[in-house]
């Protein structure tokens, strides 16, 4: 039985990157479904739409859009309804226009699509094509197109049933300049990179990433992608409990209860 693949993204169902992802998926399987937001949901994180009705529209064979839905909404709709009695084995989220690195993954709708895929019982892989915004705001999809299917296949072989989702970033360079694939930790920034950014319109402002917090770990995703021209892959654990803090909290005693 062919691997069943569900694709989503946060750039919208008509974004160029999702067409690239469909090519990647179809190089692996002929059982490929797309359920994606009808518009841009960048920065949506793992938001769910509660308390408001959603609707979906069939755009073509195995291709659906969810009106106003987040990537997480789309994965849930696909895995628990649209795909019928057989949910996907693999959820691919992206290919995002622009890198998803470091702590930015925490607010990434692309990452959330892959994370929700794992929560729904599939393997989840988020994929992003990096860009040099000083050169162009239009991504070159060559590396994602050239290496995407091989990267997905390699991750599936190495997966081993781990309770993780995978975050993949393709470097901004020519395909002949790619140095390989590197399994790396994510960059934990010294502070959040998200900042208040003033608008030219009086009284208005943006949420933006005006600069990268320093210092940067040369062995983490940010620098390996940027300076090493490597495809980076980072596994993110879904069990987020910190064992050290859990142990320290276990020693807490409430004096008020002792006095009773």
Protein backbone atom coordinates (compact mmCIF):
# COMPACT_ATOMS: atom_id res chain seq x y z
CA UNK A 1 0.00 0.00 0.00
CA UNK A 2 1.39 3.38 -1.02
CA UNK A 3 2.47 5.87 1.62
CA UNK A 4 -0.39 8.32 2.17
CA UNK A 5 0.86 11.90 2.36
CA UNK A 6 -0.99 15.00 3.57
CA UNK A 7 0.45 18.41 2.63
CA UNK A 8 -0.31 21.69 4.33
CA UNK A 9 1.44 25.06 4.68
CA UNK A 10 1.07 28.52 6.21
CA UNK A 11 1.59 30.60 3.06
CA UNK A 12 -1.74 29.56 1.57
CA UNK A 13 -3.00 26.90 -0.80
CA UNK A 14 -1.98 28.87 -3.91
CA UNK A 15 1.55 29.69 -2.71
CA UNK A 16 4.40 28.55 -4.99
CA UNK A 17 6.05 26.59 -2.19
CA UNK A 18 3.14 24.21 -1.77
CA UNK A 19 3.40 23.30 -5.46
CA UNK A 20 7.08 22.49 -4.83
CA UNK A 21 6.05 20.33 -1.88
CA UNK A 22 3.51 18.51 -4.05
CA UNK A 23 6.31 17.66 -6.50
CA UNK A 24 8.43 16.36 -3.62
CA UNK A 25 5.56 14.24 -2.29
CA UNK A 26 4.64 12.81 -5.70
CA UNK A 27 8.22 11.68 -6.20
CA UNK A 28 7.65 9.45 -3.15
CA UNK A 29 4.01 8.40 -3.47
CA UNK A 30 1.00 8.67 -5.76
CA UNK A 31 -1.36 9.02 -2.77
CA UNK A 32 -0.93 12.73 -2.07
CA UNK A 33 -3.52 15.08 -0.52
CA UNK A 34 -3.39 18.84 0.01
CA UNK A 35 -5.39 20.59 2.76
CA UNK A 36 -4.15 24.14 3.28
CA UNK A 37 -5.35 27.57 4.38
CA UNK A 38 -7.12 29.69 1.78
CA UNK A 39 -4.80 32.61 2.58
CA UNK A 40 -1.57 33.51 4.34
CA UNK A 41 -1.28 32.25 7.93
CA UNK A 42 2.40 33.02 8.56
CA UNK A 43 3.18 33.35 12.27
CA UNK A 44 -0.05 31.57 13.24
CA UNK A 45 1.88 29.03 15.28
CA UNK A 46 -0.22 26.17 16.59
CA UNK A 47 -3.42 28.19 16.77
CA UNK A 48 -6.74 26.41 16.51
CA UNK A 49 -9.94 28.13 15.47
CA UNK A 50 -12.34 27.50 18.34
CA UNK A 51 -15.77 29.08 18.67
CA UNK A 52 -16.04 30.05 15.00
CA UNK A 53 -17.29 27.91 12.14
CA UNK A 54 -14.89 26.88 9.41
CA UNK A 55 -15.55 25.56 5.94
CA UNK A 56 -13.50 23.80 3.31
CA UNK A 57 -13.63 23.82 -0.46
CA UNK A 58 -12.53 21.16 -2.91
CA UNK A 59 -10.30 22.82 -5.51
CA UNK A 60 -9.44 19.71 -7.49
CA UNK A 61 -8.59 16.07 -7.03
CA UNK A 62 -7.34 15.61 -3.44
CA UNK A 63 -6.79 19.37 -3.10
CA UNK A 64 -8.74 21.39 -0.52
CA UNK A 65 -8.62 24.82 1.08
CA UNK A 66 -9.91 25.75 4.53
CA UNK A 67 -11.41 29.22 4.69
CA UNK A 68 -9.76 31.23 7.45
CA UNK A 69 -8.14 28.12 8.90
CA UNK A 70 -4.68 27.78 10.39
CA UNK A 71 -2.24 25.05 9.35
CA UNK A 72 -3.14 23.10 12.50
CA UNK A 73 -6.85 23.41 11.62
CA UNK A 74 -6.07 22.05 8.15
CA UNK A 75 -4.16 19.03 9.45
CA UNK A 76 -6.95 18.14 11.87
CA UNK A 77 -9.59 18.51 9.15
CA UNK A 78 -7.55 16.37 6.81
CA UNK A 79 -6.54 13.66 9.26
CA UNK A 80 -9.90 13.28 11.01
CA UNK A 81 -12.35 13.90 8.17
CA UNK A 82 -11.29 14.77 4.62
CA UNK A 83 -9.01 11.77 4.09
CA UNK A 84 -11.76 9.45 5.26
CA UNK A 85 -11.10 6.25 7.16
CA UNK A 86 -7.39 6.19 6.37
CA UNK A 87 -5.45 9.19 7.72
CA UNK A 88 -2.04 10.10 6.31
CA UNK A 89 1.14 8.27 7.23
CA UNK A 90 3.22 11.40 6.61
CA UNK A 91 2.37 15.09 6.97
CA UNK A 92 4.58 17.50 5.01
CA UNK A 93 4.26 21.20 5.88
CA UNK A 94 5.63 23.85 3.49
CA UNK A 95 7.70 24.44 1.53
CA UNK A 96 7.80 27.76 3.39
CA UNK A 97 9.05 30.88 1.63
CA UNK A 98 11.87 31.82 3.98
CA UNK A 99 13.81 30.05 6.69
CA UNK A 100 12.34 28.77 9.95
CA UNK A 101 15.24 28.66 12.37
CA UNK A 102 16.01 28.91 16.05
CA UNK A 103 13.28 30.06 18.39
CA UNK A 104 11.26 31.34 15.42
CA UNK A 105 10.00 27.76 15.11
CA UNK A 106 7.85 28.45 18.19
CA UNK A 107 5.58 30.80 16.23
CA UNK A 108 5.87 29.10 12.84
CA UNK A 109 2.67 27.90 11.24
CA UNK A 110 4.81 25.68 9.03
CA UNK A 111 6.30 23.94 12.06
CA UNK A 112 2.85 23.65 13.65
CA UNK A 113 1.53 21.77 10.62
CA UNK A 114 4.20 19.11 11.05
CA UNK A 115 3.79 19.06 14.84
CA UNK A 116 0.04 18.51 14.60
CA UNK A 117 0.69 15.76 12.07
CA UNK A 118 2.67 13.87 14.72
CA UNK A 119 0.00 14.54 17.35
CA UNK A 120 -2.49 12.97 14.93
CA UNK A 121 -0.35 9.84 14.53
CA UNK A 122 1.72 10.56 11.41
CA UNK A 123 5.36 11.38 10.78
CA UNK A 124 5.63 15.18 10.53
CA UNK A 125 8.21 17.13 8.50
CA UNK A 126 8.29 20.92 8.09
CA UNK A 127 10.32 22.25 5.16
CA UNK A 128 11.50 25.79 4.40
CA UNK A 129 13.53 27.37 1.61
CA UNK A 130 15.86 30.01 3.02
CA UNK A 131 16.26 33.43 1.45
CA UNK A 132 18.70 36.31 1.62
CA UNK A 133 16.26 39.18 2.08
CA UNK A 134 18.95 41.72 1.19
CA UNK A 135 19.17 40.12 -2.26
CA UNK A 136 15.54 39.25 -2.99
CA UNK A 137 12.17 38.59 -1.36
CA UNK A 138 11.43 35.93 -3.99
CA UNK A 139 12.73 32.47 -3.08
CA UNK A 140 14.75 30.29 -5.41
CA UNK A 141 13.16 26.86 -4.94
CA UNK A 142 15.95 24.94 -6.68
CA UNK A 143 17.41 23.28 -3.59
CA UNK A 144 14.04 22.28 -2.17
CA UNK A 145 13.04 20.85 -5.55
CA UNK A 146 16.35 19.09 -6.14
CA UNK A 147 16.89 17.55 -2.70
CA UNK A 148 13.45 17.51 -1.04
CA UNK A 149 12.33 13.98 -1.89
CA UNK A 150 15.71 12.48 -0.93
CA UNK A 151 15.66 14.35 2.40
CA UNK A 152 12.15 13.13 3.21
CA UNK A 153 13.05 9.54 2.33
CA UNK A 154 16.20 9.69 4.48
CA UNK A 155 14.27 11.05 7.47
CA UNK A 156 11.63 8.33 7.10
CA UNK A 157 14.35 5.65 7.21
CA UNK A 158 16.00 7.21 10.28
CA UNK A 159 12.73 8.00 12.09
CA UNK A 160 12.41 4.86 14.21
CA UNK A 161 9.07 5.83 15.76
CA UNK A 162 10.49 8.76 17.74
CA UNK A 163 8.02 11.19 19.33
CA UNK A 164 9.34 14.15 17.31
CA UNK A 165 8.64 16.32 14.30
CA UNK A 166 11.40 17.38 11.95
CA UNK A 167 12.29 20.90 10.85
CA UNK A 168 14.20 21.09 7.55
CA UNK A 169 15.76 24.18 5.98
CA UNK A 170 17.31 24.36 2.53
CA UNK A 171 20.23 26.78 2.09
CA UNK A 172 20.32 29.88 -0.08
CA UNK A 173 22.92 28.87 -2.66
CA UNK A 174 23.24 27.06 -5.97
CA UNK A 175 22.45 23.35 -6.02
CA UNK A 176 26.10 22.54 -6.74
CA UNK A 177 27.16 24.49 -3.66
CA UNK A 178 25.08 22.43 -1.20
CA UNK A 179 27.52 20.68 1.11
CA UNK A 180 25.19 17.94 2.35
CA UNK A 181 22.67 17.45 5.13
CA UNK A 182 23.43 18.22 8.77
CA UNK A 183 21.47 17.10 11.81
CA UNK A 184 21.73 20.07 14.18
CA UNK A 185 20.12 21.51 17.31
CA UNK A 186 18.01 24.63 16.97
CA UNK A 187 19.47 28.00 17.90
CA UNK A 188 18.24 29.08 21.33
CA UNK A 189 18.39 32.87 21.12
CA UNK A 190 19.46 35.04 24.05
CA UNK A 191 16.07 36.75 23.81
CA UNK A 192 13.02 36.61 21.58
CA UNK A 193 13.78 37.87 18.05
CA UNK A 194 10.22 39.25 17.71
CA UNK A 195 10.12 43.00 18.31
CA UNK A 196 7.87 46.04 18.10
CA UNK A 197 8.59 47.81 14.80
CA UNK A 198 7.14 51.28 14.10
CA UNK A 199 5.09 51.97 11.00
CA UNK A 200 5.23 55.07 8.82
CA UNK A 201 1.53 55.41 9.60
CA UNK A 202 0.97 57.35 12.81
CA UNK A 203 -0.15 55.22 15.74
CA UNK A 204 0.49 51.94 13.92
CA UNK A 205 3.22 49.32 14.33
CA UNK A 206 4.32 45.89 13.15
CA UNK A 207 5.52 42.68 14.76
CA UNK A 208 8.87 42.10 13.05
CA UNK A 209 12.30 40.48 13.27
CA UNK A 210 14.59 43.48 12.69
CA UNK A 211 17.78 41.70 13.75
CA UNK A 212 19.08 38.35 14.89
CA UNK A 213 19.89 38.17 18.62
CA UNK A 214 23.55 37.38 19.27
CA UNK A 215 25.66 35.39 20.03
CA UNK A 216 25.02 32.47 17.68
CA UNK A 217 26.15 28.89 18.15
CA UNK A 218 28.27 27.84 15.13
CA UNK A 219 26.95 24.27 15.51
CA UNK A 220 23.23 25.18 15.58
CA UNK A 221 20.79 25.45 12.68
CA UNK A 222 21.14 29.18 12.01
CA UNK A 223 24.88 29.26 11.35
CA UNK A 224 25.17 25.81 9.78
CA UNK A 225 22.56 26.77 7.20
CA UNK A 226 23.90 30.27 6.55
CA UNK A 227 27.65 29.67 6.62
CA UNK A 228 27.88 25.97 5.82
CA UNK A 229 25.45 25.80 2.87
CA UNK A 230 24.09 22.58 4.38
CA UNK A 231 20.53 21.37 4.44
CA UNK A 232 19.68 21.39 8.14
CA UNK A 233 17.32 18.99 9.90
CA UNK A 234 16.35 19.37 13.55
CA UNK A 235 14.16 16.93 15.50
CA UNK A 236 11.84 18.64 17.99
CA UNK A 237 10.51 16.54 20.88
CA UNK A 238 6.79 16.69 21.59
CA UNK A 239 7.35 15.74 25.24
CA UNK A 240 8.45 19.16 26.47
CA UNK A 241 8.74 18.46 30.21
CA UNK A 242 12.11 19.58 31.64
CA UNK A 243 13.34 16.76 33.86
CA UNK A 244 15.67 18.92 35.98
CA UNK A 245 12.99 21.49 36.77
CA UNK A 246 10.48 18.69 37.40
CA UNK A 247 12.81 17.15 39.99
CA UNK A 248 13.35 20.48 41.75
CA UNK A 249 9.63 21.18 41.85
CA UNK A 250 9.11 17.74 43.34
CA UNK A 251 10.91 18.90 46.49
CA UNK A 252 8.45 21.72 47.16
CA UNK A 253 6.60 21.47 50.46
CA UNK A 254 3.76 23.82 51.37
CA UNK A 255 4.36 24.95 54.95
CA UNK A 256 0.73 25.87 55.37
CA UNK A 257 -0.23 22.23 54.93
CA UNK A 258 2.48 21.04 57.34
CA UNK A 259 1.09 23.24 60.09
CA UNK A 260 -2.36 21.68 59.95
